[in-house]
N, C-alpha and C. Protein backbone atom coordinates (compact mmCIF):
# COMPACT_ATOMS: atom_id res chain seq x y z
N MET A 1 114.25 106.72 111.96
CA MET A 1 113.00 106.06 111.65
C MET A 1 112.98 104.63 112.18
N VAL A 2 114.08 103.89 111.99
CA VAL A 2 114.15 102.51 112.42
C VAL A 2 115.12 102.42 113.60
N ASP A 3 114.71 101.73 114.67
CA ASP A 3 115.57 101.62 115.85
C ASP A 3 116.72 100.64 115.59
N GLU A 4 117.70 100.64 116.47
CA GLU A 4 118.90 99.84 116.28
C GLU A 4 118.60 98.34 116.26
N ALA A 5 117.70 97.88 117.12
CA ALA A 5 117.36 96.45 117.15
C ALA A 5 116.76 96.01 115.82
N THR A 6 115.90 96.86 115.25
CA THR A 6 115.28 96.54 113.96
C THR A 6 116.33 96.54 112.86
N LYS A 7 117.24 97.52 112.89
CA LYS A 7 118.31 97.56 111.89
C LYS A 7 119.16 96.30 111.95
N LYS A 8 119.48 95.87 113.17
CA LYS A 8 120.31 94.67 113.34
C LYS A 8 119.57 93.44 112.81
N SER A 9 118.30 93.32 113.17
CA SER A 9 117.49 92.19 112.70
C SER A 9 117.38 92.20 111.19
N LEU A 10 117.13 93.37 110.63
CA LEU A 10 116.98 93.51 109.18
C LEU A 10 118.27 93.16 108.45
N ALA A 11 119.39 93.56 109.00
CA ALA A 11 120.68 93.29 108.37
C ALA A 11 120.97 91.80 108.27
N GLN A 12 120.34 91.00 109.11
CA GLN A 12 120.56 89.55 109.12
C GLN A 12 119.65 88.81 108.15
N ILE A 13 118.69 89.50 107.54
CA ILE A 13 117.80 88.87 106.56
C ILE A 13 118.45 89.02 105.19
N PRO A 14 118.66 87.90 104.50
CA PRO A 14 119.28 88.00 103.17
C PRO A 14 118.45 88.86 102.21
N LEU A 15 119.13 89.66 101.41
CA LEU A 15 118.47 90.44 100.37
C LEU A 15 118.23 89.54 99.16
N LEU A 16 117.14 89.80 98.46
CA LEU A 16 116.79 89.00 97.30
C LEU A 16 117.33 89.65 96.03
N LYS A 17 117.51 88.86 95.00
CA LYS A 17 118.13 89.36 93.78
C LYS A 17 117.20 89.34 92.57
N THR A 18 116.35 88.33 92.49
CA THR A 18 115.53 88.12 91.31
C THR A 18 114.29 88.99 91.32
N LYS A 19 114.13 89.78 90.28
CA LYS A 19 112.94 90.63 90.16
C LYS A 19 111.92 89.88 89.30
N ALA A 20 111.05 89.11 89.99
CA ALA A 20 110.07 88.28 89.29
C ALA A 20 108.82 88.13 90.14
N GLY A 21 107.69 88.04 89.45
CA GLY A 21 106.41 87.83 90.10
C GLY A 21 105.78 86.52 89.65
N PRO A 22 104.58 86.24 90.13
CA PRO A 22 103.92 84.96 89.86
C PRO A 22 103.71 84.61 88.39
N ARG A 23 103.71 85.59 87.52
CA ARG A 23 103.50 85.32 86.09
C ARG A 23 104.81 85.13 85.31
N ASP A 24 105.93 85.11 86.02
CA ASP A 24 107.22 85.08 85.34
C ASP A 24 107.85 83.70 85.21
N GLY A 25 107.06 82.64 85.28
CA GLY A 25 107.53 81.28 85.03
C GLY A 25 108.70 80.86 85.88
N GLU A 26 109.77 80.45 85.23
CA GLU A 26 110.95 79.94 85.93
C GLU A 26 111.63 81.01 86.80
N LEU A 27 111.54 82.27 86.37
CA LEU A 27 112.10 83.34 87.21
C LEU A 27 111.36 83.41 88.55
N TRP A 28 110.04 83.16 88.54
CA TRP A 28 109.27 83.15 89.78
C TRP A 28 109.74 82.02 90.68
N VAL A 29 110.04 80.87 90.10
CA VAL A 29 110.53 79.74 90.89
C VAL A 29 111.85 80.13 91.57
N THR A 30 112.71 80.81 90.83
CA THR A 30 113.98 81.28 91.40
C THR A 30 113.71 82.28 92.53
N ARG A 31 112.81 83.23 92.29
CA ARG A 31 112.46 84.22 93.33
C ARG A 31 111.89 83.54 94.56
N LEU A 32 111.02 82.56 94.34
CA LEU A 32 110.38 81.85 95.45
C LEU A 32 111.43 81.13 96.31
N LYS A 33 112.44 80.56 95.68
CA LYS A 33 113.52 79.91 96.44
C LYS A 33 114.24 80.94 97.30
N GLU A 34 114.49 82.12 96.74
CA GLU A 34 115.12 83.19 97.51
C GLU A 34 114.24 83.61 98.68
N GLU A 35 112.92 83.70 98.43
CA GLU A 35 111.97 84.07 99.48
C GLU A 35 112.04 83.06 100.63
N TYR A 36 111.99 81.79 100.29
CA TYR A 36 112.04 80.76 101.34
C TYR A 36 113.36 80.80 102.10
N GLN A 37 114.47 81.01 101.41
CA GLN A 37 115.76 81.09 102.10
C GLN A 37 115.79 82.26 103.06
N ALA A 38 115.25 83.41 102.64
CA ALA A 38 115.22 84.58 103.51
C ALA A 38 114.30 84.34 104.70
N LEU A 39 113.15 83.72 104.46
CA LEU A 39 112.21 83.43 105.56
C LEU A 39 112.82 82.45 106.55
N ILE A 40 113.47 81.42 106.06
CA ILE A 40 114.10 80.43 106.94
C ILE A 40 115.16 81.11 107.81
N LYS A 41 115.97 81.96 107.20
CA LYS A 41 117.00 82.68 107.95
C LYS A 41 116.37 83.61 108.99
N TYR A 42 115.31 84.31 108.60
CA TYR A 42 114.63 85.23 109.52
C TYR A 42 114.03 84.47 110.70
N VAL A 43 113.37 83.36 110.43
CA VAL A 43 112.79 82.54 111.51
C VAL A 43 113.88 82.04 112.44
N GLN A 44 114.98 81.56 111.86
CA GLN A 44 116.09 81.06 112.69
C GLN A 44 116.68 82.18 113.55
N ASN A 45 116.87 83.35 112.97
CA ASN A 45 117.37 84.50 113.74
C ASN A 45 116.43 84.84 114.89
N ASN A 46 115.13 84.82 114.61
CA ASN A 46 114.14 85.12 115.65
C ASN A 46 114.21 84.09 116.77
N LYS A 47 114.29 82.83 116.41
CA LYS A 47 114.37 81.78 117.43
C LYS A 47 115.65 81.92 118.26
N ASP A 48 116.75 82.24 117.59
CA ASP A 48 118.03 82.41 118.30
C ASP A 48 117.98 83.57 119.29
N SER A 49 117.19 84.59 118.97
CA SER A 49 117.09 85.74 119.87
C SER A 49 115.82 85.68 120.73
N ASP A 50 115.22 84.50 120.83
CA ASP A 50 114.01 84.27 121.64
C ASP A 50 112.91 85.26 121.27
N ASN A 51 112.70 85.41 119.97
CA ASN A 51 111.70 86.35 119.47
C ASN A 51 110.85 85.70 118.38
N ASP A 52 110.47 84.46 118.60
CA ASP A 52 109.66 83.70 117.65
C ASP A 52 108.23 84.25 117.70
N TRP A 53 107.68 84.73 116.56
CA TRP A 53 106.37 85.38 116.63
C TRP A 53 105.45 85.09 115.45
N PHE A 54 105.82 84.18 114.57
CA PHE A 54 104.90 83.83 113.49
C PHE A 54 105.22 82.45 112.91
N ARG A 55 104.23 81.87 112.26
CA ARG A 55 104.36 80.65 111.46
C ARG A 55 103.72 80.96 110.12
N LEU A 56 104.33 80.51 109.05
CA LEU A 56 103.86 80.88 107.73
C LEU A 56 104.08 79.73 106.76
N GLU A 57 103.13 79.51 105.88
CA GLU A 57 103.28 78.54 104.81
C GLU A 57 102.55 79.08 103.59
N SER A 58 102.80 78.44 102.45
CA SER A 58 102.18 78.92 101.22
C SER A 58 101.55 77.77 100.45
N ASN A 59 100.73 78.14 99.46
CA ASN A 59 100.25 77.13 98.54
C ASN A 59 101.41 76.68 97.66
N LYS A 60 101.19 75.67 96.84
CA LYS A 60 102.27 75.09 96.03
C LYS A 60 102.92 76.11 95.10
N GLU A 61 102.13 77.05 94.59
CA GLU A 61 102.64 78.04 93.65
C GLU A 61 103.34 79.21 94.33
N GLY A 62 103.20 79.32 95.65
CA GLY A 62 103.81 80.43 96.37
C GLY A 62 103.09 81.75 96.18
N THR A 63 101.82 81.68 95.78
CA THR A 63 101.05 82.91 95.53
C THR A 63 100.10 83.25 96.66
N ARG A 64 99.76 82.28 97.48
CA ARG A 64 98.86 82.50 98.62
C ARG A 64 99.57 82.03 99.88
N TRP A 65 99.66 82.91 100.87
CA TRP A 65 100.36 82.62 102.11
C TRP A 65 99.40 82.71 103.29
N PHE A 66 99.61 81.87 104.29
CA PHE A 66 98.73 81.85 105.45
C PHE A 66 99.49 81.28 106.64
N GLY A 67 99.00 81.61 107.81
CA GLY A 67 99.64 81.12 109.02
C GLY A 67 99.11 81.84 110.24
N LYS A 68 99.96 81.94 111.25
CA LYS A 68 99.61 82.59 112.51
C LYS A 68 100.72 83.56 112.88
N CYS A 69 100.32 84.62 113.55
CA CYS A 69 101.30 85.52 114.16
C CYS A 69 100.78 85.79 115.56
N TRP A 70 101.67 86.18 116.44
CA TRP A 70 101.24 86.45 117.81
C TRP A 70 102.06 87.57 118.40
N TYR A 71 101.47 88.13 119.46
CA TYR A 71 102.12 89.22 120.19
C TYR A 71 101.91 88.93 121.67
N VAL A 72 102.98 89.00 122.45
CA VAL A 72 102.89 88.75 123.88
C VAL A 72 102.82 90.11 124.58
N HIS A 73 101.75 90.28 125.36
CA HIS A 73 101.53 91.52 126.10
C HIS A 73 101.21 91.17 127.54
N GLU A 74 102.02 91.68 128.47
CA GLU A 74 101.86 91.39 129.90
C GLU A 74 101.77 89.88 130.15
N LEU A 75 102.69 89.17 129.52
CA LEU A 75 102.85 87.71 129.64
C LEU A 75 101.67 86.90 129.09
N LEU A 76 100.80 87.53 128.32
CA LEU A 76 99.70 86.83 127.68
C LEU A 76 99.91 86.85 126.17
N LYS A 77 99.72 85.70 125.54
CA LYS A 77 99.94 85.57 124.10
C LYS A 77 98.61 85.80 123.36
N TYR A 78 98.64 86.78 122.46
CA TYR A 78 97.49 87.09 121.61
C TYR A 78 97.83 86.59 120.21
N GLU A 79 97.06 85.65 119.71
CA GLU A 79 97.37 85.01 118.44
C GLU A 79 96.33 85.37 117.38
N PHE A 80 96.81 85.56 116.15
CA PHE A 80 95.94 85.98 115.05
C PHE A 80 96.26 85.19 113.79
N ASP A 81 95.22 84.94 112.99
CA ASP A 81 95.44 84.37 111.67
C ASP A 81 96.09 85.42 110.79
N LEU A 82 96.99 84.99 109.95
CA LEU A 82 97.70 85.88 109.02
C LEU A 82 97.51 85.31 107.62
N GLU A 83 97.19 86.17 106.67
CA GLU A 83 97.06 85.72 105.29
C GLU A 83 97.39 86.85 104.34
N PHE A 84 97.88 86.48 103.16
CA PHE A 84 98.11 87.46 102.11
C PHE A 84 98.36 86.74 100.80
N ASP A 85 98.09 87.46 99.72
CA ASP A 85 98.37 86.98 98.38
C ASP A 85 99.55 87.76 97.83
N ILE A 86 100.30 87.13 96.96
CA ILE A 86 101.38 87.83 96.27
C ILE A 86 100.76 88.56 95.08
N PRO A 87 100.92 89.88 95.01
CA PRO A 87 100.33 90.63 93.89
C PRO A 87 100.98 90.24 92.55
N ILE A 88 100.23 90.38 91.49
CA ILE A 88 100.74 90.08 90.16
C ILE A 88 101.96 90.95 89.85
N THR A 89 101.98 92.17 90.37
CA THR A 89 103.08 93.10 90.10
C THR A 89 104.23 92.98 91.11
N TYR A 90 104.23 91.91 91.92
CA TYR A 90 105.28 91.65 92.88
C TYR A 90 106.59 91.45 92.13
N PRO A 91 107.71 91.88 92.63
CA PRO A 91 107.99 92.53 93.89
C PRO A 91 107.90 94.06 93.85
N THR A 92 107.48 94.62 92.72
CA THR A 92 107.32 96.08 92.67
C THR A 92 106.26 96.53 93.67
N THR A 93 105.21 95.73 93.82
CA THR A 93 104.15 96.00 94.79
C THR A 93 104.30 95.07 95.98
N ALA A 94 104.29 95.63 97.17
CA ALA A 94 104.40 94.83 98.40
C ALA A 94 103.11 94.04 98.64
N PRO A 95 103.21 92.89 99.29
CA PRO A 95 101.99 92.15 99.63
C PRO A 95 101.19 92.91 100.69
N GLU A 96 99.87 92.75 100.66
CA GLU A 96 99.00 93.36 101.66
C GLU A 96 98.72 92.32 102.74
N LEU A 97 99.35 92.47 103.88
CA LEU A 97 99.23 91.52 104.98
C LEU A 97 97.89 91.72 105.68
N ALA A 98 97.19 90.62 105.95
CA ALA A 98 95.86 90.72 106.55
C ALA A 98 95.74 89.86 107.81
N LEU A 99 95.07 90.44 108.80
CA LEU A 99 94.69 89.75 110.03
C LEU A 99 93.15 89.81 110.08
N PRO A 100 92.47 88.89 109.40
CA PRO A 100 91.02 89.01 109.20
C PRO A 100 90.20 89.19 110.48
N GLU A 101 90.58 88.56 111.56
CA GLU A 101 89.77 88.65 112.78
C GLU A 101 89.82 90.03 113.44
N LEU A 102 90.78 90.86 113.01
CA LEU A 102 90.85 92.22 113.55
C LEU A 102 90.17 93.23 112.63
N ASP A 103 89.57 92.76 111.55
CA ASP A 103 88.91 93.63 110.59
C ASP A 103 87.90 94.54 111.29
N GLY A 104 88.04 95.84 111.07
CA GLY A 104 87.11 96.82 111.64
C GLY A 104 87.38 97.20 113.09
N LYS A 105 88.43 96.66 113.69
CA LYS A 105 88.70 96.94 115.10
C LYS A 105 89.70 98.06 115.32
N THR A 106 90.34 98.52 114.24
CA THR A 106 91.30 99.62 114.35
C THR A 106 91.24 100.46 113.08
N ALA A 107 91.52 101.73 113.22
CA ALA A 107 91.53 102.63 112.06
C ALA A 107 92.72 102.35 111.15
N LYS A 108 93.73 101.67 111.67
CA LYS A 108 94.93 101.41 110.89
C LYS A 108 94.82 100.07 110.16
N MET A 109 93.68 99.93 109.47
CA MET A 109 93.39 98.69 108.78
C MET A 109 92.40 98.97 107.66
N TYR A 110 92.54 98.21 106.58
CA TYR A 110 91.62 98.32 105.46
C TYR A 110 90.63 97.17 105.49
N ARG A 111 89.63 97.26 104.63
CA ARG A 111 88.61 96.20 104.55
C ARG A 111 89.29 94.84 104.35
N GLY A 112 88.76 93.86 105.03
CA GLY A 112 89.32 92.51 104.93
C GLY A 112 90.42 92.24 105.93
N GLY A 113 90.67 93.20 106.80
CA GLY A 113 91.70 93.01 107.82
C GLY A 113 93.11 93.29 107.33
N LYS A 114 93.23 93.98 106.18
CA LYS A 114 94.56 94.32 105.66
C LYS A 114 95.14 95.47 106.47
N ILE A 115 96.34 95.25 107.00
CA ILE A 115 96.94 96.26 107.86
C ILE A 115 97.46 97.43 107.04
N CYS A 116 97.38 98.62 107.61
CA CYS A 116 97.79 99.85 106.92
C CYS A 116 99.31 100.01 107.04
N LEU A 117 99.96 100.01 105.89
CA LEU A 117 101.41 100.19 105.87
C LEU A 117 101.83 101.30 104.91
N THR A 118 100.87 102.11 104.47
CA THR A 118 101.14 103.06 103.40
C THR A 118 102.15 104.14 103.77
N ASP A 119 102.02 104.75 104.93
CA ASP A 119 102.86 105.90 105.26
C ASP A 119 104.33 105.57 105.46
N HIS A 120 104.61 104.49 106.15
CA HIS A 120 105.99 104.21 106.54
C HIS A 120 106.64 103.09 105.74
N PHE A 121 105.92 102.01 105.54
CA PHE A 121 106.53 100.83 104.94
C PHE A 121 106.58 100.87 103.42
N LYS A 122 105.52 101.28 102.77
CA LYS A 122 105.46 101.22 101.30
C LYS A 122 106.55 102.05 100.62
N PRO A 123 106.86 103.27 101.10
CA PRO A 123 107.98 104.00 100.47
C PRO A 123 109.32 103.29 100.65
N LEU A 124 109.51 102.68 101.81
CA LEU A 124 110.74 101.92 102.07
C LEU A 124 110.83 100.72 101.14
N TRP A 125 109.70 100.02 100.97
CA TRP A 125 109.64 98.88 100.05
C TRP A 125 110.02 99.34 98.64
N ALA A 126 109.40 100.43 98.19
CA ALA A 126 109.61 100.93 96.83
C ALA A 126 111.09 101.25 96.56
N ARG A 127 111.78 101.76 97.58
CA ARG A 127 113.21 102.08 97.42
C ARG A 127 114.09 100.84 97.39
N ASN A 128 113.54 99.70 97.79
CA ASN A 128 114.36 98.49 97.92
C ASN A 128 113.92 97.34 97.01
N VAL A 129 113.18 97.64 95.95
CA VAL A 129 112.79 96.61 94.98
C VAL A 129 114.04 96.26 94.17
N PRO A 130 114.35 95.01 93.91
CA PRO A 130 113.69 93.76 94.31
C PRO A 130 114.31 93.12 95.55
N LYS A 131 115.11 93.89 96.30
CA LYS A 131 115.88 93.31 97.41
C LYS A 131 115.00 92.84 98.58
N PHE A 132 113.87 93.52 98.79
CA PHE A 132 112.99 93.14 99.89
C PHE A 132 112.02 92.05 99.45
N GLY A 133 111.67 91.20 100.42
CA GLY A 133 110.73 90.12 100.17
C GLY A 133 109.79 89.95 101.34
N ILE A 134 109.19 88.80 101.43
CA ILE A 134 108.18 88.52 102.46
C ILE A 134 108.77 88.68 103.86
N ALA A 135 109.97 88.17 104.09
CA ALA A 135 110.59 88.30 105.42
C ALA A 135 110.75 89.76 105.81
N HIS A 136 111.09 90.60 104.85
CA HIS A 136 111.25 92.03 105.12
C HIS A 136 109.89 92.68 105.42
N ALA A 137 108.86 92.23 104.71
CA ALA A 137 107.51 92.75 104.96
C ALA A 137 107.05 92.41 106.38
N LEU A 138 107.40 91.22 106.83
CA LEU A 138 107.03 90.83 108.20
C LEU A 138 107.85 91.64 109.21
N SER A 139 109.14 91.75 108.98
CA SER A 139 110.04 92.44 109.91
C SER A 139 109.74 93.93 110.02
N LEU A 140 109.55 94.59 108.88
CA LEU A 140 109.38 96.04 108.88
C LEU A 140 107.93 96.49 108.83
N GLY A 141 107.03 95.57 108.50
CA GLY A 141 105.62 95.92 108.38
C GLY A 141 104.78 95.35 109.50
N LEU A 142 104.61 94.03 109.49
CA LEU A 142 103.72 93.40 110.45
C LEU A 142 104.23 93.49 111.89
N GLY A 143 105.50 93.24 112.11
CA GLY A 143 106.05 93.28 113.48
C GLY A 143 105.81 94.61 114.17
N PRO A 144 106.22 95.72 113.56
CA PRO A 144 105.97 97.02 114.18
C PRO A 144 104.48 97.34 114.32
N TRP A 145 103.68 96.91 113.35
CA TRP A 145 102.23 97.16 113.41
C TRP A 145 101.64 96.46 114.63
N LEU A 146 102.00 95.19 114.83
CA LEU A 146 101.52 94.45 116.00
C LEU A 146 101.95 95.13 117.30
N ALA A 147 103.21 95.58 117.35
CA ALA A 147 103.76 96.19 118.56
C ALA A 147 103.03 97.48 118.94
N VAL A 148 102.49 98.18 117.97
CA VAL A 148 101.76 99.42 118.24
C VAL A 148 100.28 99.15 118.46
N GLU A 149 99.68 98.37 117.58
CA GLU A 149 98.22 98.21 117.58
C GLU A 149 97.69 97.26 118.65
N VAL A 150 98.35 96.14 118.87
CA VAL A 150 97.80 95.15 119.82
C VAL A 150 97.70 95.73 121.23
N PRO A 151 98.75 96.34 121.79
CA PRO A 151 98.58 96.92 123.14
C PRO A 151 97.46 97.98 123.19
N ASP A 152 97.33 98.75 122.13
CA ASP A 152 96.28 99.77 122.07
C ASP A 152 94.89 99.12 122.06
N LEU A 153 94.73 98.07 121.28
CA LEU A 153 93.45 97.36 121.22
C LEU A 153 93.12 96.68 122.55
N ILE A 154 94.14 96.19 123.23
CA ILE A 154 93.94 95.57 124.54
C ILE A 154 93.53 96.64 125.56
N GLN A 155 94.25 97.76 125.56
CA GLN A 155 93.96 98.83 126.51
C GLN A 155 92.55 99.36 126.34
N LYS A 156 92.10 99.45 125.09
CA LYS A 156 90.75 99.93 124.80
C LYS A 156 89.70 98.83 124.96
N GLN A 157 90.15 97.63 125.35
CA GLN A 157 89.29 96.46 125.55
C GLN A 157 88.54 96.07 124.28
N ILE A 158 89.14 96.33 123.15
CA ILE A 158 88.55 95.91 121.87
C ILE A 158 88.86 94.45 121.62
N ILE A 159 90.04 94.01 122.08
CA ILE A 159 90.35 92.58 122.06
C ILE A 159 90.68 92.14 123.48
N THR A 160 90.38 90.90 123.76
CA THR A 160 90.68 90.33 125.08
C THR A 160 91.40 89.01 124.87
N HIS A 161 92.12 88.59 125.89
CA HIS A 161 92.85 87.33 125.82
C HIS A 161 91.86 86.18 125.85
N LYS A 162 92.21 85.07 125.21
CA LYS A 162 91.29 83.93 125.14
C LYS A 162 90.93 83.38 126.53
N SER A 163 91.82 83.55 127.53
CA SER A 163 91.50 83.08 128.89
C SER A 163 90.38 83.93 129.49
N GLU A 164 90.34 85.21 129.14
CA GLU A 164 89.27 86.09 129.62
C GLU A 164 87.96 85.78 128.91
N GLN A 165 88.04 85.40 127.65
CA GLN A 165 86.85 85.04 126.89
C GLN A 165 86.22 83.78 127.44
N ALA A 166 87.05 82.82 127.89
CA ALA A 166 86.55 81.56 128.42
C ALA A 166 85.81 81.75 129.74
N GLU A 167 86.19 82.80 130.49
CA GLU A 167 85.55 83.06 131.77
C GLU A 167 84.14 83.62 131.63
N LYS A 168 83.85 84.21 130.47
CA LYS A 168 82.55 84.85 130.27
C LYS A 168 81.43 83.88 130.03
């Protein structure tokens, strides 16, 4: 199911220990620290392997996340806004990652630009609670989704590169 490169990348992301969500007070603060440590490690690993593909930040409470993600196709960078909220039942429930500007452009997406991860990612997440966190959702969810969907959307001319848009 998962290729060797993904397994290697995943193995380098620290697993989380604290099973806590936004309503769990100090336990949430502990979980949030673990989340940030895993994200920092994942970003550093990506940069070390020349695979930098997202920027992410959160509100003060760590309940709302936003940033940018991108996919390079035929040497052109396609960039998208990324946003998601941490569910109240987190980490039992995975976050729903959204790319709002792609809303309605692919069948593998729900209203609001939330990417479809039900078939492959959600069962994997469920088996790994509370060890998986935001970095794992990006690595096993958003990354593979972008790799499949963006080239397809480009080929179907549903999305175009910003340089092509400027020419029109």
